[in-house]
């Protein structure tokens, strides 16, 4: 190879996988800005990013209506997207909308079982297999009021403190504490049977 050939060779950049330190929500900020300015590809990429997260929040709250809750949440998110001032706040903003929509959908069609009827709950004998445990957990959750499921999701899955959960659910901190206490108590009681 002679020195004049060096300039003609181009080395393709090696795509690097995203590092684990990179926060996908911070990486979403440019997508939010592009989507807000009308970029349909960015809107589609944002939908791909948000759908699994929204689904993860809706499933334990809205249970059998989780597909409706996901759809309503995503519609609300994308209708409100032009008003989102700080794209880095996307995560908390989407969580707030999603939990509120999931609770609203769950209340609309919910058939709650009073706590006294937990005695009728039949579990499979062995809880060592994943699908059986998941079915048992889902069955217990189904019997809790939607407000209790929402508090459990925010505290146990999302790791929010009581103050943050109370702001998100638009209830007092004491209400969050009492709902969480009752939800955990009723879950344990049903699970032990």
N, C-alpha and C. Protein backbone atom coordinates (compact mmCIF):
# COMPACT_ATOMS: atom_id res chain seq x y z
N UNK A 1 0.85 -1.16 0.00
CA UNK A 1 0.00 0.00 0.00
C UNK A 1 0.90 1.23 0.00
N UNK A 2 0.57 2.12 -0.90
CA UNK A 2 1.38 3.34 -0.94
C UNK A 2 0.69 4.45 -0.15
N UNK A 3 1.40 5.48 0.19
CA UNK A 3 0.85 6.55 1.02
C UNK A 3 -0.37 7.24 0.40
N UNK A 4 -0.51 7.25 -0.90
CA UNK A 4 -1.67 7.92 -1.50
C UNK A 4 -2.94 7.11 -1.31
N UNK A 5 -2.82 5.78 -1.09
CA UNK A 5 -4.00 4.94 -0.88
C UNK A 5 -4.60 5.10 0.51
N UNK A 6 -3.85 5.61 1.44
CA UNK A 6 -4.31 5.70 2.81
C UNK A 6 -5.54 6.61 2.90
N UNK A 7 -5.55 7.70 2.15
CA UNK A 7 -6.68 8.61 2.20
C UNK A 7 -7.94 8.01 1.59
N UNK A 8 -7.83 7.01 0.73
CA UNK A 8 -9.01 6.45 0.09
C UNK A 8 -9.67 5.36 0.93
N UNK A 9 -8.93 4.81 1.86
CA UNK A 9 -9.51 3.78 2.72
C UNK A 9 -10.29 4.45 3.84
N UNK A 10 -11.51 4.03 3.96
CA UNK A 10 -12.32 4.57 5.05
C UNK A 10 -12.70 3.44 5.96
N UNK A 11 -12.48 3.68 7.14
CA UNK A 11 -12.83 2.68 8.13
C UNK A 11 -14.24 2.99 8.64
N UNK A 12 -15.11 1.99 8.55
CA UNK A 12 -16.49 2.17 9.01
C UNK A 12 -16.48 2.24 10.53
N UNK A 13 -17.27 3.14 11.08
CA UNK A 13 -17.33 3.19 12.55
C UNK A 13 -17.97 1.92 13.09
N UNK A 14 -17.40 1.43 14.13
CA UNK A 14 -17.92 0.22 14.76
C UNK A 14 -19.05 0.65 15.70
N UNK A 15 -20.26 0.12 15.43
CA UNK A 15 -21.35 0.52 16.33
C UNK A 15 -21.11 -0.03 17.73
N UNK A 16 -21.28 0.82 18.68
CA UNK A 16 -21.05 0.37 20.05
C UNK A 16 -22.39 0.13 20.72
N UNK A 17 -22.48 -0.96 21.47
CA UNK A 17 -23.73 -1.19 22.21
C UNK A 17 -23.86 -0.14 23.31
N UNK A 18 -25.08 0.20 23.66
CA UNK A 18 -25.23 1.20 24.73
C UNK A 18 -24.67 0.64 26.03
N UNK A 19 -23.94 1.48 26.73
CA UNK A 19 -23.37 1.03 28.00
C UNK A 19 -24.49 0.95 29.03
N UNK A 20 -24.24 0.17 30.06
CA UNK A 20 -25.26 -0.01 31.09
C UNK A 20 -25.44 1.26 31.91
N UNK A 21 -24.44 2.16 31.87
CA UNK A 21 -24.57 3.40 32.61
C UNK A 21 -25.53 4.37 31.91
N UNK A 22 -25.70 4.21 30.59
CA UNK A 22 -26.57 5.11 29.85
C UNK A 22 -28.02 4.87 30.26
N UNK A 23 -28.69 5.93 30.61
CA UNK A 23 -30.10 5.85 30.98
C UNK A 23 -30.93 5.99 29.71
N UNK A 24 -31.77 4.98 29.38
CA UNK A 24 -32.55 5.07 28.16
C UNK A 24 -33.52 6.25 28.18
N UNK A 25 -33.89 6.71 29.38
CA UNK A 25 -34.82 7.84 29.46
C UNK A 25 -34.11 9.14 29.12
N UNK A 26 -32.83 9.28 29.50
CA UNK A 26 -32.07 10.46 29.09
C UNK A 26 -31.81 10.41 27.59
N UNK A 27 -31.59 9.22 27.08
CA UNK A 27 -31.38 9.05 25.65
C UNK A 27 -32.66 9.36 24.86
N UNK A 28 -33.81 9.30 25.54
CA UNK A 28 -35.09 9.56 24.87
C UNK A 28 -35.34 11.05 24.68
N UNK A 29 -34.61 11.90 25.38
CA UNK A 29 -34.85 13.34 25.29
C UNK A 29 -34.77 13.85 23.84
N UNK A 30 -33.77 13.45 23.05
CA UNK A 30 -33.77 13.90 21.65
C UNK A 30 -34.97 13.38 20.86
N UNK A 31 -35.42 12.17 21.18
CA UNK A 31 -36.61 11.64 20.51
C UNK A 31 -37.84 12.48 20.85
N UNK A 32 -37.95 12.87 22.11
CA UNK A 32 -39.09 13.68 22.53
C UNK A 32 -39.09 15.00 21.78
N UNK A 33 -37.93 15.66 21.73
CA UNK A 33 -37.84 16.95 21.03
C UNK A 33 -38.20 16.79 19.55
N UNK A 34 -37.69 15.72 18.93
CA UNK A 34 -37.99 15.49 17.51
C UNK A 34 -39.47 15.19 17.31
N UNK A 35 -40.05 14.38 18.19
CA UNK A 35 -41.47 14.05 18.08
C UNK A 35 -42.33 15.30 18.29
N UNK A 36 -41.92 16.15 19.21
CA UNK A 36 -42.66 17.39 19.45
C UNK A 36 -42.63 18.32 18.24
N UNK A 37 -41.57 18.20 17.44
CA UNK A 37 -41.48 19.05 16.26
C UNK A 37 -42.11 18.39 15.02
N UNK A 38 -42.74 17.22 15.21
CA UNK A 38 -43.48 16.60 14.12
C UNK A 38 -42.79 15.45 13.41
N UNK A 39 -41.65 15.00 13.90
CA UNK A 39 -40.92 13.89 13.27
C UNK A 39 -41.66 12.57 13.56
N UNK A 40 -42.26 11.98 12.54
CA UNK A 40 -43.04 10.76 12.71
C UNK A 40 -42.17 9.55 13.05
N UNK A 41 -40.95 9.51 12.55
CA UNK A 41 -40.06 8.40 12.88
C UNK A 41 -39.68 8.46 14.37
N UNK A 42 -39.44 9.64 14.87
CA UNK A 42 -39.12 9.80 16.29
C UNK A 42 -40.33 9.41 17.13
N UNK A 43 -41.51 9.76 16.68
CA UNK A 43 -42.74 9.39 17.39
C UNK A 43 -42.87 7.88 17.45
N UNK A 44 -42.58 7.21 16.36
CA UNK A 44 -42.63 5.74 16.31
C UNK A 44 -41.57 5.13 17.24
N UNK A 45 -40.37 5.67 17.22
CA UNK A 45 -39.30 5.17 18.11
C UNK A 45 -39.67 5.38 19.58
N UNK A 46 -40.31 6.50 19.86
CA UNK A 46 -40.75 6.78 21.22
C UNK A 46 -41.83 5.80 21.65
N UNK A 47 -42.72 5.48 20.74
CA UNK A 47 -43.76 4.48 21.01
C UNK A 47 -43.13 3.13 21.33
N UNK A 48 -42.11 2.75 20.55
CA UNK A 48 -41.40 1.48 20.81
C UNK A 48 -40.72 1.49 22.18
N UNK A 49 -40.21 2.63 22.59
CA UNK A 49 -39.53 2.74 23.88
C UNK A 49 -40.53 2.69 25.05
N UNK A 50 -41.66 3.36 24.88
CA UNK A 50 -42.60 3.51 25.99
C UNK A 50 -43.53 2.31 26.19
N UNK A 51 -43.88 1.62 25.14
CA UNK A 51 -44.88 0.55 25.24
C UNK A 51 -44.54 -0.52 26.26
N UNK A 52 -43.33 -1.07 26.30
CA UNK A 52 -43.04 -2.09 27.32
C UNK A 52 -43.15 -1.55 28.75
N UNK A 53 -42.70 -0.33 28.96
CA UNK A 53 -42.78 0.26 30.29
C UNK A 53 -44.22 0.48 30.71
N UNK A 54 -45.03 1.05 29.83
CA UNK A 54 -46.43 1.29 30.12
C UNK A 54 -47.15 -0.04 30.38
N UNK A 55 -46.85 -1.05 29.59
CA UNK A 55 -47.46 -2.37 29.78
C UNK A 55 -47.09 -2.95 31.14
N UNK A 56 -45.84 -2.80 31.54
CA UNK A 56 -45.38 -3.32 32.83
C UNK A 56 -46.12 -2.67 33.99
N UNK A 57 -46.45 -1.40 33.85
CA UNK A 57 -47.20 -0.71 34.91
C UNK A 57 -48.69 -1.07 34.88
N UNK A 58 -49.26 -1.22 33.71
CA UNK A 58 -50.70 -1.45 33.59
C UNK A 58 -51.12 -2.86 33.99
N UNK A 59 -50.30 -3.85 33.66
CA UNK A 59 -50.69 -5.25 33.91
C UNK A 59 -51.11 -5.54 35.34
N UNK A 60 -50.33 -5.17 36.36
CA UNK A 60 -50.77 -5.50 37.72
C UNK A 60 -51.87 -4.60 38.27
N UNK A 61 -52.13 -3.47 37.64
CA UNK A 61 -53.17 -2.58 38.14
C UNK A 61 -54.50 -2.86 37.46
N UNK A 62 -54.50 -2.91 36.14
CA UNK A 62 -55.75 -3.07 35.40
C UNK A 62 -56.08 -4.53 35.10
N UNK A 63 -55.14 -5.44 35.32
CA UNK A 63 -55.33 -6.88 35.17
C UNK A 63 -55.99 -7.25 33.85
N UNK A 64 -57.24 -7.67 33.86
CA UNK A 64 -57.88 -8.15 32.64
C UNK A 64 -58.10 -7.04 31.62
N UNK A 65 -58.08 -5.81 32.06
CA UNK A 65 -58.26 -4.68 31.16
C UNK A 65 -56.94 -3.98 30.86
N UNK A 66 -55.83 -4.68 31.05
CA UNK A 66 -54.54 -4.03 30.89
C UNK A 66 -54.29 -3.56 29.46
N UNK A 67 -54.78 -4.28 28.47
CA UNK A 67 -54.60 -3.85 27.08
C UNK A 67 -55.29 -2.51 26.85
N UNK A 68 -56.49 -2.36 27.40
CA UNK A 68 -57.20 -1.08 27.28
C UNK A 68 -56.45 0.02 28.03
N UNK A 69 -55.94 -0.31 29.20
CA UNK A 69 -55.20 0.68 29.99
C UNK A 69 -53.93 1.12 29.27
N UNK A 70 -53.22 0.17 28.65
CA UNK A 70 -52.01 0.51 27.89
C UNK A 70 -52.38 1.45 26.74
N UNK A 71 -53.41 1.10 26.01
CA UNK A 71 -53.83 1.91 24.87
C UNK A 71 -54.24 3.31 25.32
N UNK A 72 -55.06 3.41 26.35
CA UNK A 72 -55.51 4.71 26.83
C UNK A 72 -54.34 5.53 27.37
N UNK A 73 -53.41 4.87 28.03
CA UNK A 73 -52.24 5.57 28.57
C UNK A 73 -51.38 6.13 27.44
N UNK A 74 -51.12 5.32 26.44
CA UNK A 74 -50.30 5.78 25.32
C UNK A 74 -50.98 6.91 24.56
N UNK A 75 -52.29 6.82 24.40
CA UNK A 75 -53.02 7.91 23.74
C UNK A 75 -52.87 9.20 24.54
N UNK A 76 -53.05 9.10 25.86
CA UNK A 76 -52.92 10.28 26.72
C UNK A 76 -51.50 10.84 26.67
N UNK A 77 -50.50 9.97 26.66
CA UNK A 77 -49.10 10.41 26.60
C UNK A 77 -48.85 11.16 25.29
N UNK A 78 -49.27 10.60 24.18
CA UNK A 78 -48.96 11.23 22.90
C UNK A 78 -49.81 12.47 22.64
N UNK A 79 -50.99 12.54 23.22
CA UNK A 79 -51.78 13.77 23.12
C UNK A 79 -51.15 14.88 23.96
N UNK A 80 -50.56 14.52 25.07
CA UNK A 80 -49.95 15.52 25.95
C UNK A 80 -48.50 15.83 25.62
N UNK A 81 -47.89 15.07 24.75
CA UNK A 81 -46.47 15.23 24.44
C UNK A 81 -46.08 16.66 24.04
N UNK A 82 -46.87 17.36 23.25
CA UNK A 82 -46.48 18.73 22.90
C UNK A 82 -46.36 19.66 24.11
N UNK A 83 -47.03 19.34 25.20
CA UNK A 83 -47.00 20.18 26.39
C UNK A 83 -45.90 19.79 27.38
N UNK A 84 -45.18 18.70 27.12
CA UNK A 84 -44.08 18.30 28.01
C UNK A 84 -42.93 19.29 27.85
N UNK A 85 -42.63 20.01 28.92
CA UNK A 85 -41.62 21.06 28.85
C UNK A 85 -40.19 20.53 28.93
N UNK A 86 -39.97 19.56 29.82
CA UNK A 86 -38.62 19.03 30.02
C UNK A 86 -38.58 17.58 29.55
N UNK A 87 -38.00 17.30 28.39
CA UNK A 87 -37.95 15.93 27.87
C UNK A 87 -37.26 14.94 28.80
N UNK A 88 -36.40 15.43 29.71
CA UNK A 88 -35.75 14.53 30.65
C UNK A 88 -36.71 14.06 31.73
N UNK A 89 -37.86 14.70 31.84
CA UNK A 89 -38.88 14.31 32.82
C UNK A 89 -39.84 13.27 32.24
N UNK A 90 -39.53 12.75 31.08
CA UNK A 90 -40.42 11.81 30.38
C UNK A 90 -40.82 10.63 31.27
N UNK A 91 -39.85 10.03 31.94
CA UNK A 91 -40.09 8.85 32.76
C UNK A 91 -41.17 9.09 33.81
N UNK A 92 -41.00 10.12 34.63
CA UNK A 92 -41.96 10.41 35.70
C UNK A 92 -43.30 10.84 35.13
N UNK A 93 -43.27 11.59 34.05
CA UNK A 93 -44.50 12.07 33.42
C UNK A 93 -45.31 10.90 32.86
N UNK A 94 -44.65 9.98 32.17
CA UNK A 94 -45.33 8.80 31.62
C UNK A 94 -45.86 7.92 32.74
N UNK A 95 -45.09 7.75 33.80
CA UNK A 95 -45.54 6.94 34.94
C UNK A 95 -46.81 7.53 35.55
N UNK A 96 -46.84 8.84 35.73
CA UNK A 96 -48.01 9.49 36.31
C UNK A 96 -49.25 9.25 35.45
N UNK A 97 -49.12 9.50 34.18
CA UNK A 97 -50.25 9.31 33.26
C UNK A 97 -50.69 7.86 33.25
N UNK A 98 -49.74 6.95 33.17
CA UNK A 98 -50.05 5.52 33.06
C UNK A 98 -50.77 4.99 34.30
N UNK A 99 -50.27 5.31 35.47
CA UNK A 99 -50.90 4.80 36.69
C UNK A 99 -52.31 5.36 36.83
N UNK A 100 -52.48 6.63 36.56
CA UNK A 100 -53.82 7.22 36.65
C UNK A 100 -54.78 6.59 35.65
N UNK A 101 -54.33 6.36 34.43
CA UNK A 101 -55.19 5.73 33.42
C UNK A 101 -55.50 4.28 33.80
N UNK A 102 -54.50 3.57 34.29
CA UNK A 102 -54.72 2.16 34.67
C UNK A 102 -55.74 2.05 35.80
N UNK A 103 -55.64 2.93 36.79
CA UNK A 103 -56.61 2.92 37.89
C UNK A 103 -58.00 3.27 37.36
N UNK A 104 -58.08 4.26 36.49
CA UNK A 104 -59.37 4.67 35.93
C UNK A 104 -60.01 3.52 35.15
N UNK A 105 -59.24 2.84 34.33
CA UNK A 105 -59.76 1.71 33.55
C UNK A 105 -60.16 0.57 34.48
N UNK A 106 -59.34 0.29 35.48
CA UNK A 106 -59.65 -0.80 36.41
C UNK A 106 -60.94 -0.52 37.18
N UNK A 107 -61.13 0.71 37.59
CA UNK A 107 -62.36 1.07 38.33
C UNK A 107 -63.60 0.92 37.45
N UNK A 108 -63.43 1.21 36.19
CA UNK A 108 -64.57 1.21 35.27
C UNK A 108 -65.24 -0.16 35.18
N UNK A 109 -64.45 -1.22 35.20
CA UNK A 109 -65.01 -2.56 34.98
C UNK A 109 -64.71 -3.52 36.11
N UNK A 110 -64.25 -2.99 37.22
CA UNK A 110 -63.76 -3.84 38.29
C UNK A 110 -64.88 -4.55 39.05
N UNK A 111 -64.63 -5.80 39.36
CA UNK A 111 -65.50 -6.59 40.23
C UNK A 111 -64.64 -7.05 41.39
N UNK A 112 -64.59 -6.21 42.42
CA UNK A 112 -63.71 -6.51 43.54
C UNK A 112 -64.36 -7.52 44.48
N UNK A 113 -63.50 -8.36 45.04
CA UNK A 113 -63.94 -9.36 46.00
C UNK A 113 -63.64 -8.84 47.40
N UNK A 114 -64.61 -8.80 48.29
CA UNK A 114 -64.35 -8.34 49.66
C UNK A 114 -63.27 -9.21 50.32
N UNK A 115 -62.55 -8.60 51.25
CA UNK A 115 -61.45 -9.29 51.93
C UNK A 115 -61.92 -10.58 52.57
N UNK A 116 -63.10 -10.63 53.13
CA UNK A 116 -63.61 -11.82 53.78
C UNK A 116 -63.71 -13.02 52.86
N UNK A 117 -63.75 -12.79 51.57
CA UNK A 117 -63.89 -13.89 50.62
C UNK A 117 -62.54 -14.47 50.19
N UNK A 118 -61.44 -13.97 50.76
CA UNK A 118 -60.14 -14.53 50.42
C UNK A 118 -60.04 -16.00 50.85
N UNK A 119 -60.85 -16.42 51.81
CA UNK A 119 -60.80 -17.80 52.28
C UNK A 119 -61.16 -18.77 51.17
N UNK A 120 -61.91 -18.30 50.18
CA UNK A 120 -62.31 -19.17 49.07
C UNK A 120 -61.20 -19.36 48.05
N UNK A 121 -60.10 -18.64 48.20
CA UNK A 121 -59.04 -18.68 47.23
C UNK A 121 -58.31 -20.01 47.30
N UNK A 122 -58.27 -20.72 46.18
CA UNK A 122 -57.58 -22.01 46.14
C UNK A 122 -56.29 -21.86 45.36
N UNK A 123 -55.21 -22.25 45.99
CA UNK A 123 -53.91 -22.21 45.34
C UNK A 123 -53.48 -23.63 45.00
N UNK A 124 -52.59 -23.71 44.02
CA UNK A 124 -52.03 -25.01 43.69
C UNK A 124 -51.09 -25.43 44.82
N UNK A 125 -50.92 -26.72 44.97
CA UNK A 125 -50.13 -27.23 46.08
C UNK A 125 -48.69 -26.77 46.07
N UNK A 126 -48.01 -26.87 44.94
CA UNK A 126 -46.60 -26.49 44.88
C UNK A 126 -46.41 -25.16 44.20
N UNK A 127 -45.69 -24.28 44.87
CA UNK A 127 -45.45 -22.96 44.29
C UNK A 127 -44.03 -22.84 43.78
N UNK A 128 -43.44 -23.94 43.42
CA UNK A 128 -42.05 -23.90 43.00
C UNK A 128 -41.90 -23.55 41.53
N UNK A 129 -42.94 -23.68 40.74
CA UNK A 129 -42.79 -23.39 39.32
C UNK A 129 -43.24 -21.96 39.02
N UNK A 130 -42.54 -21.33 38.12
CA UNK A 130 -42.81 -19.94 37.76
C UNK A 130 -44.22 -19.67 37.31
N UNK A 131 -44.77 -20.43 36.36
CA UNK A 131 -46.13 -20.14 35.90
C UNK A 131 -47.18 -20.28 36.99
N UNK A 132 -47.02 -21.22 37.88
CA UNK A 132 -47.99 -21.39 38.96
C UNK A 132 -47.93 -20.23 39.94
N UNK A 133 -46.73 -19.78 40.27
CA UNK A 133 -46.59 -18.64 41.16
C UNK A 133 -47.19 -17.40 40.51
N UNK A 134 -46.89 -17.19 39.24
CA UNK A 134 -47.43 -16.02 38.54
C UNK A 134 -48.95 -16.05 38.52
N UNK A 135 -49.52 -17.21 38.30
CA UNK A 135 -50.98 -17.33 38.29
C UNK A 135 -51.56 -17.07 39.68
N UNK A 136 -50.88 -17.56 40.72
CA UNK A 136 -51.34 -17.33 42.08
C UNK A 136 -51.26 -15.85 42.45
N UNK A 137 -50.15 -15.21 42.11
CA UNK A 137 -49.99 -13.78 42.40
C UNK A 137 -51.05 -12.98 41.66
N UNK A 138 -51.25 -13.31 40.41
CA UNK A 138 -52.26 -12.60 39.61
C UNK A 138 -53.65 -12.78 40.22
N UNK A 139 -53.95 -13.97 40.70
CA UNK A 139 -55.25 -14.24 41.29
C UNK A 139 -55.43 -13.41 42.57
N UNK A 140 -54.39 -13.33 43.39
CA UNK A 140 -54.48 -12.54 44.62
C UNK A 140 -54.63 -11.06 44.26
N UNK A 141 -53.84 -10.59 43.31
CA UNK A 141 -53.94 -9.19 42.90
C UNK A 141 -55.32 -8.85 42.36
N UNK A 142 -55.90 -9.77 41.64
CA UNK A 142 -57.22 -9.56 41.05
C UNK A 142 -58.26 -9.27 42.12
N UNK A 143 -58.06 -9.82 43.29
CA UNK A 143 -59.03 -9.67 44.37
C UNK A 143 -58.80 -8.40 45.21
N UNK A 144 -57.71 -7.70 44.95
CA UNK A 144 -57.46 -6.45 45.67
C UNK A 144 -58.11 -5.29 44.91
N UNK A 145 -58.52 -4.26 45.62
CA UNK A 145 -59.05 -3.07 44.95
C UNK A 145 -57.98 -2.42 44.07
N UNK A 146 -58.39 -1.77 43.00
CA UNK A 146 -57.44 -1.16 42.07
C UNK A 146 -56.54 -0.14 42.77
N UNK A 147 -57.07 0.59 43.74
CA UNK A 147 -56.26 1.57 44.46
C UNK A 147 -55.13 0.89 45.23
N UNK A 148 -55.40 -0.29 45.77
CA UNK A 148 -54.36 -1.04 46.49
C UNK A 148 -53.32 -1.58 45.52
N UNK A 149 -53.78 -2.08 44.37
CA UNK A 149 -52.83 -2.57 43.36
C UNK A 149 -51.93 -1.44 42.89
N UNK A 150 -52.50 -0.25 42.69
CA UNK A 150 -51.70 0.89 42.23
C UNK A 150 -50.62 1.25 43.24
N UNK A 151 -50.97 1.27 44.53
CA UNK A 151 -49.99 1.60 45.56
C UNK A 151 -48.91 0.53 45.61
N UNK A 152 -49.29 -0.73 45.52
CA UNK A 152 -48.29 -1.81 45.51
C UNK A 152 -47.33 -1.68 44.33
N UNK A 153 -47.85 -1.38 43.15
CA UNK A 153 -47.00 -1.22 41.97
C UNK A 153 -46.03 -0.06 42.17
N UNK A 154 -46.53 1.05 42.65
CA UNK A 154 -45.67 2.22 42.81
C UNK A 154 -44.60 2.01 43.87
N UNK A 155 -44.94 1.34 44.96
CA UNK A 155 -43.96 1.12 46.03
C UNK A 155 -43.03 -0.06 45.74
N UNK A 156 -43.61 -1.19 45.30
CA UNK A 156 -42.82 -2.41 45.16
C UNK A 156 -42.12 -2.53 43.80
N UNK A 157 -42.78 -2.15 42.72
CA UNK A 157 -42.15 -2.25 41.40
C UNK A 157 -41.37 -0.99 41.04
N UNK A 158 -41.96 0.16 41.31
CA UNK A 158 -41.32 1.42 40.94
C UNK A 158 -40.40 1.97 42.00
N UNK A 159 -40.56 1.52 43.26
CA UNK A 159 -39.68 1.97 44.34
C UNK A 159 -39.91 3.41 44.77
N UNK A 160 -41.11 3.94 44.54
CA UNK A 160 -41.39 5.31 44.95
C UNK A 160 -41.60 5.38 46.45
N UNK A 161 -41.26 6.52 47.03
CA UNK A 161 -41.56 6.72 48.44
C UNK A 161 -43.02 7.15 48.57
N UNK A 162 -43.48 7.23 49.81
CA UNK A 162 -44.90 7.54 50.05
C UNK A 162 -45.29 8.92 49.55
N UNK A 163 -44.41 9.88 49.69
CA UNK A 163 -44.71 11.24 49.23
C UNK A 163 -44.88 11.28 47.71
N UNK A 164 -43.98 10.63 47.01
CA UNK A 164 -44.06 10.61 45.55
C UNK A 164 -45.31 9.87 45.09
N UNK A 165 -45.61 8.75 45.73
CA UNK A 165 -46.81 8.00 45.37
C UNK A 165 -48.07 8.81 45.65
N UNK A 166 -48.08 9.56 46.74
CA UNK A 166 -49.26 10.36 47.07
C UNK A 166 -49.46 11.47 46.04
N UNK A 167 -48.38 12.10 45.60
CA UNK A 167 -48.50 13.13 44.56
C UNK A 167 -48.99 12.52 43.25
N UNK A 168 -48.44 11.39 42.90
CA UNK A 168 -48.82 10.74 41.64
C UNK A 168 -50.28 10.32 41.64
N UNK A 169 -50.75 9.77 42.75
CA UNK A 169 -52.14 9.30 42.84
C UNK A 169 -53.11 10.39 43.24
N UNK A 170 -52.56 11.56 43.59
CA UNK A 170 -53.38 12.70 43.98
C UNK A 170 -54.22 12.40 45.23
N UNK A 171 -53.57 11.75 46.19
CA UNK A 171 -54.19 11.47 47.49
C UNK A 171 -53.18 11.86 48.57
N UNK A 172 -53.64 11.92 49.81
CA UNK A 172 -52.74 12.30 50.89
C UNK A 172 -51.71 11.18 51.17
N UNK A 173 -50.64 11.57 51.82
CA UNK A 173 -49.60 10.61 52.18
C UNK A 173 -50.16 9.55 53.13
N UNK A 174 -51.02 9.98 54.05
CA UNK A 174 -51.66 9.05 54.98
C UNK A 174 -52.52 8.03 54.26
N UNK A 175 -53.20 8.46 53.21
CA UNK A 175 -54.01 7.53 52.42
C UNK A 175 -53.13 6.50 51.75
N UNK A 176 -52.00 6.93 51.23
CA UNK A 176 -51.06 5.99 50.61
C UNK A 176 -50.58 4.98 51.65
N UNK A 177 -50.22 5.46 52.83
CA UNK A 177 -49.73 4.57 53.89
C UNK A 177 -50.79 3.55 54.28
N UNK A 178 -52.03 4.01 54.45
CA UNK A 178 -53.08 3.07 54.88
C UNK A 178 -53.42 2.09 53.76
N UNK A 179 -53.46 2.56 52.52
CA UNK A 179 -53.74 1.65 51.40
C UNK A 179 -52.63 0.62 51.26
N UNK A 180 -51.41 1.07 51.42
CA UNK A 180 -50.27 0.15 51.31
C UNK A 180 -50.32 -0.87 52.43
N UNK A 181 -50.60 -0.43 53.64
CA UNK A 181 -50.69 -1.35 54.77
C UNK A 181 -51.78 -2.39 54.52
N UNK A 182 -52.96 -1.92 54.12
CA UNK A 182 -54.08 -2.85 53.88
C UNK A 182 -53.76 -3.78 52.71
N UNK A 183 -53.17 -3.24 51.67
CA UNK A 183 -52.84 -4.07 50.50
C UNK A 183 -51.85 -5.16 50.86
N UNK A 184 -50.80 -4.81 51.57
CA UNK A 184 -49.81 -5.81 51.98
C UNK A 184 -50.42 -6.84 52.92
N UNK A 185 -51.22 -6.37 53.88
CA UNK A 185 -51.87 -7.28 54.83
C UNK A 185 -52.79 -8.26 54.09
N UNK A 186 -53.63 -7.74 53.21
CA UNK A 186 -54.58 -8.61 52.49
C UNK A 186 -53.85 -9.54 51.53
N UNK A 187 -52.77 -9.06 50.93
CA UNK A 187 -52.01 -9.94 50.04
C UNK A 187 -51.39 -11.09 50.83
N UNK A 188 -50.74 -10.76 51.95
CA UNK A 188 -50.14 -11.81 52.79
C UNK A 188 -51.17 -12.80 53.29
N UNK A 189 -52.31 -12.27 53.74
CA UNK A 189 -53.39 -13.11 54.26
C UNK A 189 -53.87 -14.09 53.18
N UNK A 190 -54.07 -13.58 51.98
CA UNK A 190 -54.53 -14.44 50.89
C UNK A 190 -53.44 -15.41 50.45
N UNK A 191 -52.22 -14.96 50.45
CA UNK A 191 -51.11 -15.79 50.00
C UNK A 191 -50.85 -16.96 50.96
N UNK A 192 -51.07 -16.74 52.25
CA UNK A 192 -50.80 -17.78 53.25
C UNK A 192 -51.79 -18.92 53.18
N UNK A 193 -52.93 -18.70 52.61
CA UNK A 193 -53.98 -19.75 52.55
C UNK A 193 -53.72 -20.73 51.47
